[in-house]
Amino acid sequence: MPNHNVRIFIVGPSGTGKTTLSNVLADLTASLPTAPHAGGVYRATQGVRILEFDRRIPPLPNSGSTRPMDVACEVWDCSGSPRFTASWPALTPSAHAVIFVASGETRERDLEAWHSQFPHLPPSSMVLFSPYASKSKPFKPTSNSPLHALPVVTASWESDPEVVRQEFDRVLAGVVGEMVGGKRGDAGDGGGDWAGMERVVV
């Protein structure tokens, strides 16, 4: 039985690998096609795709416990299409954490527009992933961007999945630590609605 429920949004422009990253985190990669950035066929997410799965993380530092913690994760794989921007303000306040995904071709101002939708989250609950592929360069924020304060993880979703999952666990541990300290509540039924919402229970 999971100890806590955490809602994580995965956001960024279309075609950057958000769905592939979501599948890696949920361990769904074995039955899925190759990602676009690795030469696969691109299929855009419509609205939002929600993946529900449990994740076991190491004991929290200074918690006095040596037992791992089970966390019920609700990952929101959000469409990068501008068609859905009107829905952002109703959805994003329910997030406990956010993962930004960007390629070397991503415009910084586009990612900053997503960043501005999560003013309630501290930098410790945010991370920026940039998929590594031989034909593309990773995304690197400029020094005067609010994204510059975030940790940037450059990795191949397919060949380095554990690197991706370890960083995901770090973000989860930070959120759960604040829940244990009474600074946050668990994810409830909020989050509003989004046309084209799809829910996948793993």
N, C-alpha and C. Protein backbone atom coordinates (compact mmCIF):
# COMPACT_ATOMS: atom_id res chain seq x y z
N MET A 1 0.84 -1.19 0.00
CA MET A 1 0.00 0.00 0.00
C MET A 1 0.88 1.24 0.00
N PRO A 2 0.76 2.12 -1.01
CA PRO A 2 1.60 3.31 -1.08
C PRO A 2 1.39 4.22 0.13
N ASN A 3 2.49 4.85 0.57
CA ASN A 3 2.44 5.76 1.70
C ASN A 3 1.90 7.14 1.31
N HIS A 4 2.15 7.55 0.06
CA HIS A 4 1.76 8.88 -0.37
C HIS A 4 1.36 8.86 -1.85
N ASN A 5 0.56 9.86 -2.24
CA ASN A 5 0.15 10.03 -3.63
C ASN A 5 0.72 11.34 -4.16
N VAL A 6 1.44 11.24 -5.28
CA VAL A 6 2.13 12.41 -5.84
C VAL A 6 1.72 12.60 -7.29
N ARG A 7 1.38 13.83 -7.64
CA ARG A 7 1.01 14.16 -9.03
C ARG A 7 2.15 14.96 -9.67
N ILE A 8 2.68 14.43 -10.77
CA ILE A 8 3.80 15.05 -11.48
C ILE A 8 3.37 15.37 -12.90
N PHE A 9 3.57 16.62 -13.31
CA PHE A 9 3.29 17.03 -14.68
C PHE A 9 4.56 16.93 -15.52
N ILE A 10 4.44 16.43 -16.74
CA ILE A 10 5.54 16.42 -17.69
C ILE A 10 5.13 17.33 -18.84
N VAL A 11 5.86 18.43 -19.02
CA VAL A 11 5.43 19.47 -19.95
C VAL A 11 6.58 19.91 -20.85
N GLY A 12 6.21 20.55 -21.94
CA GLY A 12 7.19 21.07 -22.89
C GLY A 12 6.61 21.08 -24.29
N PRO A 13 7.34 21.61 -25.26
CA PRO A 13 6.84 21.66 -26.63
C PRO A 13 6.58 20.28 -27.22
N SER A 14 5.80 20.25 -28.27
CA SER A 14 5.50 18.98 -28.95
C SER A 14 6.78 18.41 -29.57
N GLY A 15 6.84 17.08 -29.59
CA GLY A 15 7.92 16.39 -30.27
C GLY A 15 9.23 16.31 -29.51
N THR A 16 9.23 16.62 -28.21
CA THR A 16 10.48 16.61 -27.45
C THR A 16 10.72 15.30 -26.70
N GLY A 17 9.75 14.39 -26.70
CA GLY A 17 9.96 13.09 -26.05
C GLY A 17 9.25 12.94 -24.72
N LYS A 18 8.23 13.76 -24.45
CA LYS A 18 7.53 13.69 -23.16
C LYS A 18 6.84 12.35 -22.96
N THR A 19 6.18 11.84 -23.98
CA THR A 19 5.47 10.56 -23.86
C THR A 19 6.45 9.42 -23.66
N THR A 20 7.56 9.45 -24.39
CA THR A 20 8.58 8.40 -24.21
C THR A 20 9.14 8.43 -22.80
N LEU A 21 9.42 9.62 -22.28
CA LEU A 21 9.91 9.75 -20.91
C LEU A 21 8.88 9.21 -19.92
N SER A 22 7.61 9.55 -20.12
CA SER A 22 6.55 9.06 -19.24
C SER A 22 6.50 7.54 -19.24
N ASN A 23 6.65 6.95 -20.40
CA ASN A 23 6.62 5.50 -20.51
C ASN A 23 7.83 4.86 -19.82
N VAL A 24 8.98 5.50 -19.91
CA VAL A 24 10.17 4.99 -19.23
C VAL A 24 9.96 5.00 -17.72
N LEU A 25 9.41 6.08 -17.21
CA LEU A 25 9.18 6.19 -15.77
C LEU A 25 8.19 5.14 -15.28
N ALA A 26 7.19 4.83 -16.12
CA ALA A 26 6.17 3.84 -15.76
C ALA A 26 6.58 2.43 -16.15
N ASP A 27 7.79 2.30 -16.73
CA ASP A 27 8.31 0.98 -17.15
C ASP A 27 7.40 0.33 -18.19
N LEU A 28 6.98 1.12 -19.17
CA LEU A 28 6.12 0.63 -20.24
C LEU A 28 6.87 0.49 -21.56
N THR A 29 8.18 0.63 -21.55
CA THR A 29 8.93 0.77 -22.79
C THR A 29 9.03 -0.50 -23.62
N ALA A 30 8.90 -1.66 -23.01
CA ALA A 30 9.14 -2.91 -23.73
C ALA A 30 8.19 -3.11 -24.90
N SER A 31 6.94 -2.64 -24.78
CA SER A 31 5.94 -2.89 -25.81
C SER A 31 5.65 -1.67 -26.68
N LEU A 32 6.53 -0.64 -26.60
CA LEU A 32 6.26 0.60 -27.30
C LEU A 32 7.22 0.83 -28.45
N PRO A 33 6.79 1.58 -29.47
CA PRO A 33 7.66 1.87 -30.61
C PRO A 33 8.79 2.80 -30.25
N THR A 34 9.76 2.90 -31.14
CA THR A 34 10.91 3.77 -30.93
C THR A 34 10.49 5.23 -30.87
N ALA A 35 11.14 5.99 -29.99
CA ALA A 35 10.79 7.40 -29.82
C ALA A 35 11.19 8.21 -31.03
N PRO A 36 10.50 9.36 -31.28
CA PRO A 36 10.80 10.19 -32.43
C PRO A 36 12.25 10.67 -32.47
N HIS A 37 12.79 11.11 -31.30
CA HIS A 37 14.15 11.65 -31.31
C HIS A 37 15.18 10.57 -31.60
N ALA A 38 14.77 9.30 -31.55
CA ALA A 38 15.68 8.19 -31.86
C ALA A 38 15.34 7.55 -33.21
N GLY A 39 14.55 8.24 -34.01
CA GLY A 39 14.26 7.75 -35.35
C GLY A 39 12.90 7.14 -35.54
N GLY A 40 12.05 7.17 -34.51
CA GLY A 40 10.72 6.58 -34.61
C GLY A 40 9.71 7.54 -35.24
N VAL A 41 8.47 7.09 -35.33
CA VAL A 41 7.40 7.90 -35.92
C VAL A 41 6.74 8.72 -34.81
N TYR A 42 6.57 10.02 -35.07
CA TYR A 42 6.00 10.90 -34.06
C TYR A 42 4.47 10.86 -34.08
N ARG A 43 3.88 10.67 -32.89
CA ARG A 43 2.44 10.73 -32.73
C ARG A 43 2.14 11.66 -31.55
N ALA A 44 1.54 12.78 -31.85
CA ALA A 44 1.32 13.81 -30.83
C ALA A 44 0.28 13.37 -29.81
N THR A 45 0.54 13.67 -28.53
CA THR A 45 -0.45 13.44 -27.47
C THR A 45 -1.58 14.44 -27.62
N GLN A 46 -2.80 13.96 -27.50
CA GLN A 46 -3.97 14.82 -27.58
C GLN A 46 -4.49 15.10 -26.17
N GLY A 47 -4.43 16.36 -25.75
CA GLY A 47 -4.89 16.70 -24.41
C GLY A 47 -3.87 16.29 -23.36
N VAL A 48 -4.21 15.30 -22.57
CA VAL A 48 -3.30 14.81 -21.55
C VAL A 48 -3.48 13.31 -21.38
N ARG A 49 -2.39 12.64 -21.14
CA ARG A 49 -2.37 11.19 -20.90
C ARG A 49 -1.84 10.98 -19.49
N ILE A 50 -2.66 10.36 -18.64
CA ILE A 50 -2.29 10.19 -17.24
C ILE A 50 -1.88 8.74 -16.99
N LEU A 51 -0.68 8.57 -16.45
CA LEU A 51 -0.18 7.23 -16.12
C LEU A 51 -0.14 7.10 -14.60
N GLU A 52 -0.72 6.02 -14.10
CA GLU A 52 -0.73 5.75 -12.66
C GLU A 52 0.10 4.50 -12.38
N PHE A 53 1.08 4.64 -11.50
CA PHE A 53 1.94 3.51 -11.15
C PHE A 53 2.57 3.77 -9.79
N ASP A 54 3.06 2.71 -9.16
CA ASP A 54 3.72 2.82 -7.86
C ASP A 54 5.23 2.84 -8.06
N ARG A 55 5.90 3.60 -7.23
CA ARG A 55 7.36 3.69 -7.29
C ARG A 55 7.91 3.57 -5.87
N ARG A 56 8.91 2.72 -5.67
CA ARG A 56 9.55 2.56 -4.37
C ARG A 56 10.82 3.41 -4.34
N ILE A 57 10.91 4.30 -3.34
CA ILE A 57 12.07 5.18 -3.22
C ILE A 57 12.82 4.86 -1.92
N PRO A 58 14.10 5.21 -1.85
CA PRO A 58 14.89 4.94 -0.64
C PRO A 58 14.34 5.70 0.56
N PRO A 59 14.73 5.29 1.78
CA PRO A 59 14.28 5.99 2.98
C PRO A 59 14.65 7.47 2.92
N LEU A 60 13.80 8.33 3.46
CA LEU A 60 14.06 9.76 3.45
C LEU A 60 15.20 10.09 4.41
N PRO A 61 16.10 11.00 4.03
CA PRO A 61 17.17 11.42 4.94
C PRO A 61 16.60 12.01 6.23
N ASN A 62 17.23 11.68 7.34
CA ASN A 62 16.85 12.21 8.65
C ASN A 62 15.43 11.84 9.07
N SER A 63 14.90 10.78 8.47
CA SER A 63 13.54 10.37 8.82
C SER A 63 13.52 9.40 10.00
N GLY A 64 14.69 8.83 10.32
CA GLY A 64 14.75 7.86 11.39
C GLY A 64 14.30 6.48 10.97
N SER A 65 13.95 6.31 9.69
CA SER A 65 13.50 5.02 9.19
C SER A 65 14.49 4.47 8.18
N THR A 66 14.63 3.15 8.19
CA THR A 66 15.50 2.49 7.22
C THR A 66 14.69 1.78 6.14
N ARG A 67 13.39 1.94 6.17
CA ARG A 67 12.54 1.26 5.20
C ARG A 67 12.28 2.13 3.97
N PRO A 68 12.32 1.53 2.78
CA PRO A 68 11.94 2.28 1.58
C PRO A 68 10.47 2.70 1.66
N MET A 69 10.12 3.70 0.87
CA MET A 69 8.75 4.20 0.86
C MET A 69 8.11 3.92 -0.49
N ASP A 70 6.87 3.49 -0.46
CA ASP A 70 6.10 3.26 -1.69
C ASP A 70 5.26 4.51 -1.98
N VAL A 71 5.39 5.00 -3.20
CA VAL A 71 4.70 6.23 -3.61
C VAL A 71 3.79 5.92 -4.79
N ALA A 72 2.54 6.32 -4.70
CA ALA A 72 1.61 6.21 -5.82
C ALA A 72 1.81 7.43 -6.71
N CYS A 73 2.29 7.20 -7.92
CA CYS A 73 2.59 8.30 -8.84
C CYS A 73 1.48 8.48 -9.85
N GLU A 74 1.12 9.71 -10.09
CA GLU A 74 0.17 10.07 -11.13
C GLU A 74 0.90 11.04 -12.06
N VAL A 75 1.39 10.52 -13.18
CA VAL A 75 2.18 11.31 -14.11
C VAL A 75 1.27 11.84 -15.22
N TRP A 76 1.25 13.16 -15.38
CA TRP A 76 0.43 13.80 -16.41
C TRP A 76 1.32 14.14 -17.60
N ASP A 77 1.20 13.36 -18.65
CA ASP A 77 1.92 13.58 -19.90
C ASP A 77 1.11 14.57 -20.73
N CYS A 78 1.49 15.86 -20.67
CA CYS A 78 0.66 16.93 -21.23
C CYS A 78 1.03 17.24 -22.68
N SER A 79 0.02 17.48 -23.48
CA SER A 79 0.24 17.88 -24.86
C SER A 79 0.99 19.21 -24.91
N GLY A 80 1.91 19.33 -25.87
CA GLY A 80 2.61 20.58 -26.05
C GLY A 80 1.94 21.50 -27.04
N SER A 81 0.78 21.11 -27.55
CA SER A 81 0.09 21.92 -28.55
C SER A 81 -0.49 23.19 -27.94
N PRO A 82 -0.33 24.33 -28.63
CA PRO A 82 -0.92 25.59 -28.14
C PRO A 82 -2.45 25.54 -28.06
N ARG A 83 -3.07 24.55 -28.70
CA ARG A 83 -4.52 24.44 -28.67
C ARG A 83 -5.06 24.28 -27.25
N PHE A 84 -4.22 23.78 -26.35
CA PHE A 84 -4.69 23.45 -25.01
C PHE A 84 -4.25 24.46 -23.95
N THR A 85 -3.66 25.57 -24.37
CA THR A 85 -3.13 26.53 -23.40
C THR A 85 -4.21 27.12 -22.49
N ALA A 86 -5.43 27.21 -22.98
CA ALA A 86 -6.51 27.77 -22.16
C ALA A 86 -6.81 26.91 -20.94
N SER A 87 -6.43 25.64 -20.99
CA SER A 87 -6.71 24.72 -19.89
C SER A 87 -5.62 24.74 -18.82
N TRP A 88 -4.45 25.27 -19.13
CA TRP A 88 -3.33 25.21 -18.20
C TRP A 88 -3.65 25.76 -16.81
N PRO A 89 -4.20 26.98 -16.69
CA PRO A 89 -4.42 27.55 -15.34
C PRO A 89 -5.33 26.70 -14.46
N ALA A 90 -6.25 25.94 -15.05
CA ALA A 90 -7.17 25.13 -14.26
C ALA A 90 -6.51 23.83 -13.80
N LEU A 91 -5.46 23.42 -14.47
CA LEU A 91 -4.86 22.11 -14.20
C LEU A 91 -3.59 22.19 -13.36
N THR A 92 -2.72 23.14 -13.68
CA THR A 92 -1.38 23.12 -13.10
C THR A 92 -1.32 23.32 -11.58
N PRO A 93 -2.27 24.03 -10.92
CA PRO A 93 -2.15 24.19 -9.47
C PRO A 93 -2.20 22.88 -8.68
N SER A 94 -2.70 21.81 -9.30
CA SER A 94 -2.78 20.54 -8.59
C SER A 94 -1.47 19.76 -8.60
N ALA A 95 -0.46 20.25 -9.31
CA ALA A 95 0.81 19.52 -9.44
C ALA A 95 1.64 19.62 -8.17
N HIS A 96 2.26 18.51 -7.79
CA HIS A 96 3.24 18.50 -6.71
C HIS A 96 4.66 18.72 -7.24
N ALA A 97 4.87 18.39 -8.50
CA ALA A 97 6.19 18.53 -9.12
C ALA A 97 5.99 18.63 -10.62
N VAL A 98 7.02 19.12 -11.30
CA VAL A 98 6.93 19.24 -12.75
C VAL A 98 8.27 18.88 -13.38
N ILE A 99 8.19 18.16 -14.49
CA ILE A 99 9.36 17.83 -15.30
C ILE A 99 9.22 18.55 -16.63
N PHE A 100 10.17 19.42 -16.94
CA PHE A 100 10.19 20.09 -18.23
C PHE A 100 11.04 19.26 -19.19
N VAL A 101 10.58 19.14 -20.43
CA VAL A 101 11.32 18.38 -21.43
C VAL A 101 11.59 19.29 -22.61
N ALA A 102 12.86 19.34 -23.04
CA ALA A 102 13.24 20.24 -24.13
C ALA A 102 14.36 19.63 -24.94
N SER A 103 14.34 19.87 -26.22
CA SER A 103 15.43 19.46 -27.10
C SER A 103 16.31 20.67 -27.39
N GLY A 104 17.39 20.45 -28.13
CA GLY A 104 18.26 21.55 -28.49
C GLY A 104 17.60 22.58 -29.37
N GLU A 105 16.49 22.18 -30.03
CA GLU A 105 15.77 23.10 -30.91
C GLU A 105 14.66 23.87 -30.19
N THR A 106 14.43 23.55 -28.94
CA THR A 106 13.35 24.20 -28.19
C THR A 106 13.68 25.67 -27.95
N ARG A 107 12.70 26.55 -28.19
CA ARG A 107 12.89 27.97 -27.89
C ARG A 107 12.72 28.19 -26.39
N GLU A 108 13.65 28.90 -25.81
CA GLU A 108 13.64 29.10 -24.37
C GLU A 108 12.36 29.77 -23.91
N ARG A 109 11.84 30.73 -24.66
CA ARG A 109 10.63 31.44 -24.24
C ARG A 109 9.42 30.51 -24.20
N ASP A 110 9.42 29.47 -25.05
CA ASP A 110 8.31 28.51 -25.02
C ASP A 110 8.33 27.72 -23.72
N LEU A 111 9.52 27.30 -23.30
CA LEU A 111 9.62 26.55 -22.04
C LEU A 111 9.36 27.45 -20.84
N GLU A 112 9.76 28.71 -20.93
CA GLU A 112 9.48 29.66 -19.85
C GLU A 112 7.98 29.91 -19.70
N ALA A 113 7.24 29.81 -20.82
CA ALA A 113 5.78 29.95 -20.73
C ALA A 113 5.19 28.83 -19.89
N TRP A 114 5.71 27.62 -20.05
CA TRP A 114 5.27 26.50 -19.20
C TRP A 114 5.69 26.74 -17.76
N HIS A 115 6.93 27.18 -17.56
CA HIS A 115 7.44 27.42 -16.22
C HIS A 115 6.56 28.40 -15.45
N SER A 116 6.04 29.40 -16.13
CA SER A 116 5.22 30.42 -15.48
C SER A 116 3.88 29.88 -14.98
N GLN A 117 3.51 28.68 -15.41
CA GLN A 117 2.24 28.08 -14.99
C GLN A 117 2.34 27.38 -13.63
N PHE A 118 3.54 27.33 -13.04
CA PHE A 118 3.74 26.61 -11.78
C PHE A 118 4.37 27.51 -10.72
N PRO A 119 3.79 28.68 -10.45
CA PRO A 119 4.39 29.60 -9.47
C PRO A 119 4.36 29.06 -8.05
N HIS A 120 3.51 28.05 -7.80
CA HIS A 120 3.38 27.51 -6.44
C HIS A 120 4.45 26.49 -6.11
N LEU A 121 5.25 26.10 -7.10
CA LEU A 121 6.24 25.05 -6.87
C LEU A 121 7.63 25.64 -6.66
N PRO A 122 8.37 25.12 -5.67
CA PRO A 122 9.76 25.56 -5.48
C PRO A 122 10.66 24.89 -6.51
N PRO A 123 11.85 25.45 -6.78
CA PRO A 123 12.78 24.83 -7.73
C PRO A 123 13.12 23.38 -7.40
N SER A 124 13.06 23.03 -6.11
CA SER A 124 13.39 21.66 -5.71
C SER A 124 12.38 20.64 -6.23
N SER A 125 11.20 21.13 -6.65
CA SER A 125 10.16 20.25 -7.19
C SER A 125 10.11 20.31 -8.71
N MET A 126 11.17 20.84 -9.31
CA MET A 126 11.25 20.94 -10.76
C MET A 126 12.56 20.37 -11.26
N VAL A 127 12.52 19.83 -12.47
CA VAL A 127 13.74 19.34 -13.11
C VAL A 127 13.54 19.46 -14.61
N LEU A 128 14.63 19.66 -15.33
CA LEU A 128 14.58 19.80 -16.79
C LEU A 128 15.32 18.63 -17.42
N PHE A 129 14.62 17.87 -18.24
CA PHE A 129 15.20 16.75 -18.96
C PHE A 129 15.40 17.12 -20.42
N SER A 130 16.56 16.79 -20.95
CA SER A 130 16.82 17.01 -22.37
C SER A 130 17.31 15.70 -22.95
N PRO A 131 16.54 15.09 -23.87
CA PRO A 131 16.92 13.78 -24.40
C PRO A 131 18.19 13.87 -25.24
N TYR A 132 19.07 12.93 -25.01
CA TYR A 132 20.31 12.89 -25.79
C TYR A 132 20.12 11.97 -26.99
N ALA A 133 20.49 12.45 -28.16
CA ALA A 133 20.50 11.65 -29.38
C ALA A 133 21.65 12.13 -30.24
N SER A 134 22.19 11.23 -31.03
CA SER A 134 23.39 11.55 -31.80
C SER A 134 23.18 12.70 -32.78
N LYS A 135 21.93 12.93 -33.21
CA LYS A 135 21.66 13.97 -34.21
C LYS A 135 21.14 15.26 -33.60
N SER A 136 21.11 15.37 -32.30
CA SER A 136 20.59 16.59 -31.69
C SER A 136 21.45 17.01 -30.50
N LYS A 137 21.39 18.31 -30.19
CA LYS A 137 22.11 18.85 -29.04
C LYS A 137 21.15 19.02 -27.88
N PRO A 138 21.63 18.89 -26.64
CA PRO A 138 20.74 19.08 -25.49
C PRO A 138 20.38 20.55 -25.31
N PHE A 139 19.30 20.78 -24.59
CA PHE A 139 18.85 22.13 -24.28
C PHE A 139 19.67 22.68 -23.12
N LYS A 140 20.05 23.95 -23.21
CA LYS A 140 20.82 24.58 -22.13
C LYS A 140 20.25 25.97 -21.88
N PRO A 141 19.65 26.21 -20.70
CA PRO A 141 19.07 27.53 -20.41
C PRO A 141 20.16 28.61 -20.33
N THR A 142 19.80 29.83 -20.69
CA THR A 142 20.72 30.96 -20.54
C THR A 142 20.75 31.39 -19.08
N SER A 143 21.77 32.13 -18.72
CA SER A 143 21.99 32.47 -17.31
C SER A 143 20.92 33.38 -16.73
N ASN A 144 20.24 34.16 -17.57
CA ASN A 144 19.22 35.08 -17.05
C ASN A 144 17.80 34.50 -17.12
N SER A 145 17.68 33.23 -17.46
CA SER A 145 16.37 32.59 -17.53
C SER A 145 16.01 31.97 -16.19
N PRO A 146 14.71 31.98 -15.80
CA PRO A 146 14.31 31.29 -14.56
C PRO A 146 14.57 29.79 -14.61
N LEU A 147 14.74 29.26 -15.81
CA LEU A 147 15.04 27.83 -15.96
C LEU A 147 16.47 27.50 -15.54
N HIS A 148 17.31 28.54 -15.45
CA HIS A 148 18.71 28.32 -15.12
C HIS A 148 18.90 27.76 -13.72
N ALA A 149 17.92 27.98 -12.85
CA ALA A 149 18.01 27.51 -11.46
C ALA A 149 17.67 26.03 -11.33
N LEU A 150 17.18 25.41 -12.41
CA LEU A 150 16.74 24.02 -12.33
C LEU A 150 17.87 23.06 -12.70
N PRO A 151 17.91 21.88 -12.07
CA PRO A 151 18.86 20.87 -12.51
C PRO A 151 18.50 20.39 -13.92
N VAL A 152 19.51 20.21 -14.76
CA VAL A 152 19.30 19.75 -16.13
C VAL A 152 19.89 18.36 -16.27
N VAL A 153 19.06 17.43 -16.70
CA VAL A 153 19.50 16.04 -16.88
C VAL A 153 19.50 15.72 -18.37
N THR A 154 20.67 15.41 -18.89
CA THR A 154 20.81 15.04 -20.30
C THR A 154 21.10 13.55 -20.36
N ALA A 155 20.19 12.80 -20.96
CA ALA A 155 20.34 11.34 -21.01
C ALA A 155 19.50 10.79 -22.14
N SER A 156 19.85 9.60 -22.56
CA SER A 156 19.04 8.88 -23.53
C SER A 156 17.98 8.09 -22.77
N TRP A 157 16.70 8.35 -23.09
CA TRP A 157 15.64 7.62 -22.40
C TRP A 157 15.83 6.12 -22.54
N GLU A 158 16.22 5.68 -23.75
CA GLU A 158 16.27 4.24 -24.04
C GLU A 158 17.52 3.56 -23.47
N SER A 159 18.69 4.18 -23.63
CA SER A 159 19.92 3.51 -23.20
C SER A 159 20.31 3.81 -21.75
N ASP A 160 19.77 4.89 -21.18
CA ASP A 160 20.09 5.25 -19.79
C ASP A 160 18.83 5.43 -18.95
N PRO A 161 17.92 4.46 -18.96
CA PRO A 161 16.65 4.66 -18.23
C PRO A 161 16.85 4.82 -16.74
N GLU A 162 17.86 4.18 -16.17
CA GLU A 162 18.05 4.27 -14.72
C GLU A 162 18.51 5.67 -14.30
N VAL A 163 19.25 6.35 -15.17
CA VAL A 163 19.64 7.73 -14.87
C VAL A 163 18.38 8.60 -14.75
N VAL A 164 17.46 8.37 -15.67
CA VAL A 164 16.20 9.12 -15.68
C VAL A 164 15.38 8.80 -14.43
N ARG A 165 15.28 7.52 -14.09
CA ARG A 165 14.47 7.11 -12.94
C ARG A 165 15.08 7.59 -11.62
N GLN A 166 16.41 7.61 -11.53
CA GLN A 166 17.06 8.08 -10.32
C GLN A 166 16.76 9.55 -10.06
N GLU A 167 16.76 10.36 -11.12
CA GLU A 167 16.43 11.77 -10.95
C GLU A 167 14.96 11.95 -10.60
N PHE A 168 14.12 11.12 -11.19
CA PHE A 168 12.69 11.13 -10.85
C PHE A 168 12.50 10.80 -9.38
N ASP A 169 13.23 9.79 -8.88
CA ASP A 169 13.14 9.42 -7.47
C ASP A 169 13.60 10.57 -6.56
N ARG A 170 14.61 11.32 -7.01
CA ARG A 170 15.08 12.46 -6.20
C ARG A 170 13.97 13.49 -6.04
N VAL A 171 13.26 13.78 -7.14
CA VAL A 171 12.16 14.74 -7.07
C VAL A 171 11.05 14.19 -6.18
N LEU A 172 10.72 12.91 -6.34
CA LEU A 172 9.69 12.29 -5.50
C LEU A 172 10.05 12.40 -4.03
N ALA A 173 11.31 12.11 -3.70
CA ALA A 173 11.74 12.14 -2.30
C ALA A 173 11.58 13.54 -1.72
N GLY A 174 11.87 14.57 -2.51
CA GLY A 174 11.71 15.94 -2.04
C GLY A 174 10.26 16.27 -1.75
N VAL A 175 9.36 15.84 -2.63
CA VAL A 175 7.94 16.10 -2.44
C VAL A 175 7.41 15.35 -1.22
N VAL A 176 7.77 14.07 -1.13
CA VAL A 176 7.30 13.26 0.00
C VAL A 176 7.84 13.81 1.32
N GLY A 177 9.08 14.29 1.30
CA GLY A 177 9.65 14.87 2.51
C GLY A 177 8.83 16.06 3.00
N GLU A 178 8.33 16.87 2.06
CA GLU A 178 7.50 18.01 2.45
C GLU A 178 6.13 17.55 2.92
N MET A 179 5.63 16.46 2.35
CA MET A 179 4.35 15.91 2.81
C MET A 179 4.48 15.41 4.25
N VAL A 180 5.58 14.70 4.52
CA VAL A 180 5.80 14.18 5.88
C VAL A 180 5.93 15.33 6.87
N GLY A 181 6.54 16.43 6.40
CA GLY A 181 6.71 17.60 7.26
C GLY A 181 5.47 18.47 7.37
N GLY A 182 4.40 18.07 6.71
CA GLY A 182 3.14 18.80 6.80
C GLY A 182 3.06 20.02 5.91
N LYS A 183 4.01 20.20 4.98
CA LYS A 183 4.02 21.37 4.11
C LYS A 183 3.15 21.19 2.87
N ARG A 184 2.78 19.93 2.57
CA ARG A 184 1.95 19.66 1.40
C ARG A 184 0.99 18.54 1.70
N GLY A 185 -0.11 18.50 0.93
CA GLY A 185 -1.05 17.39 1.02
C GLY A 185 -0.85 16.43 -0.14
N ASP A 186 -1.44 15.25 -0.02
CA ASP A 186 -1.38 14.28 -1.10
C ASP A 186 -2.25 14.74 -2.26
N ALA A 187 -2.01 14.13 -3.42
CA ALA A 187 -2.83 14.42 -4.59
C ALA A 187 -4.24 13.92 -4.36
N GLY A 188 -5.22 14.77 -4.61
CA GLY A 188 -6.60 14.37 -4.46
C GLY A 188 -7.24 14.16 -5.81
N ASP A 189 -8.52 14.46 -5.90
CA ASP A 189 -9.24 14.28 -7.15
C ASP A 189 -9.23 15.54 -8.00
N GLY A 190 -8.50 16.58 -7.58
CA GLY A 190 -8.48 17.84 -8.32
C GLY A 190 -7.72 17.71 -9.62
N GLY A 191 -7.48 18.87 -10.25
CA GLY A 191 -6.76 18.87 -11.50
C GLY A 191 -7.63 19.21 -12.67
N GLY A 192 -8.93 19.36 -12.43
CA GLY A 192 -9.79 19.78 -13.52
C GLY A 192 -9.96 18.72 -14.58
N ASP A 193 -10.30 19.16 -15.78
CA ASP A 193 -10.52 18.25 -16.90
C ASP A 193 -9.87 18.84 -18.14
N TRP A 194 -9.55 17.97 -19.08
CA TRP A 194 -8.88 18.38 -20.30
C TRP A 194 -9.44 17.54 -21.43
N ALA A 195 -9.85 18.19 -22.51
CA ALA A 195 -10.39 17.45 -23.65
C ALA A 195 -9.37 16.43 -24.13
N GLY A 196 -9.79 15.22 -24.34
CA GLY A 196 -8.89 14.17 -24.80
C GLY A 196 -8.13 13.49 -23.69
N MET A 197 -8.58 13.64 -22.43
CA MET A 197 -7.88 13.03 -21.31
C MET A 197 -7.92 11.51 -21.40
N GLU A 198 -6.74 10.90 -21.26
CA GLU A 198 -6.62 9.44 -21.30
C GLU A 198 -5.90 8.99 -20.04
N ARG A 199 -6.43 7.96 -19.38
CA ARG A 199 -5.83 7.47 -18.14
C ARG A 199 -5.34 6.04 -18.34
N VAL A 200 -4.07 5.80 -17.96
CA VAL A 200 -3.45 4.47 -18.10
C VAL A 200 -3.00 4.03 -16.72
N VAL A 201 -3.55 2.93 -16.22
CA VAL A 201 -3.17 2.38 -14.93
C VAL A 201 -2.18 1.23 -15.16
N VAL A 202 -0.97 1.36 -14.63
CA VAL A 202 0.06 0.35 -14.84
C VAL A 202 0.06 -0.65 -13.71
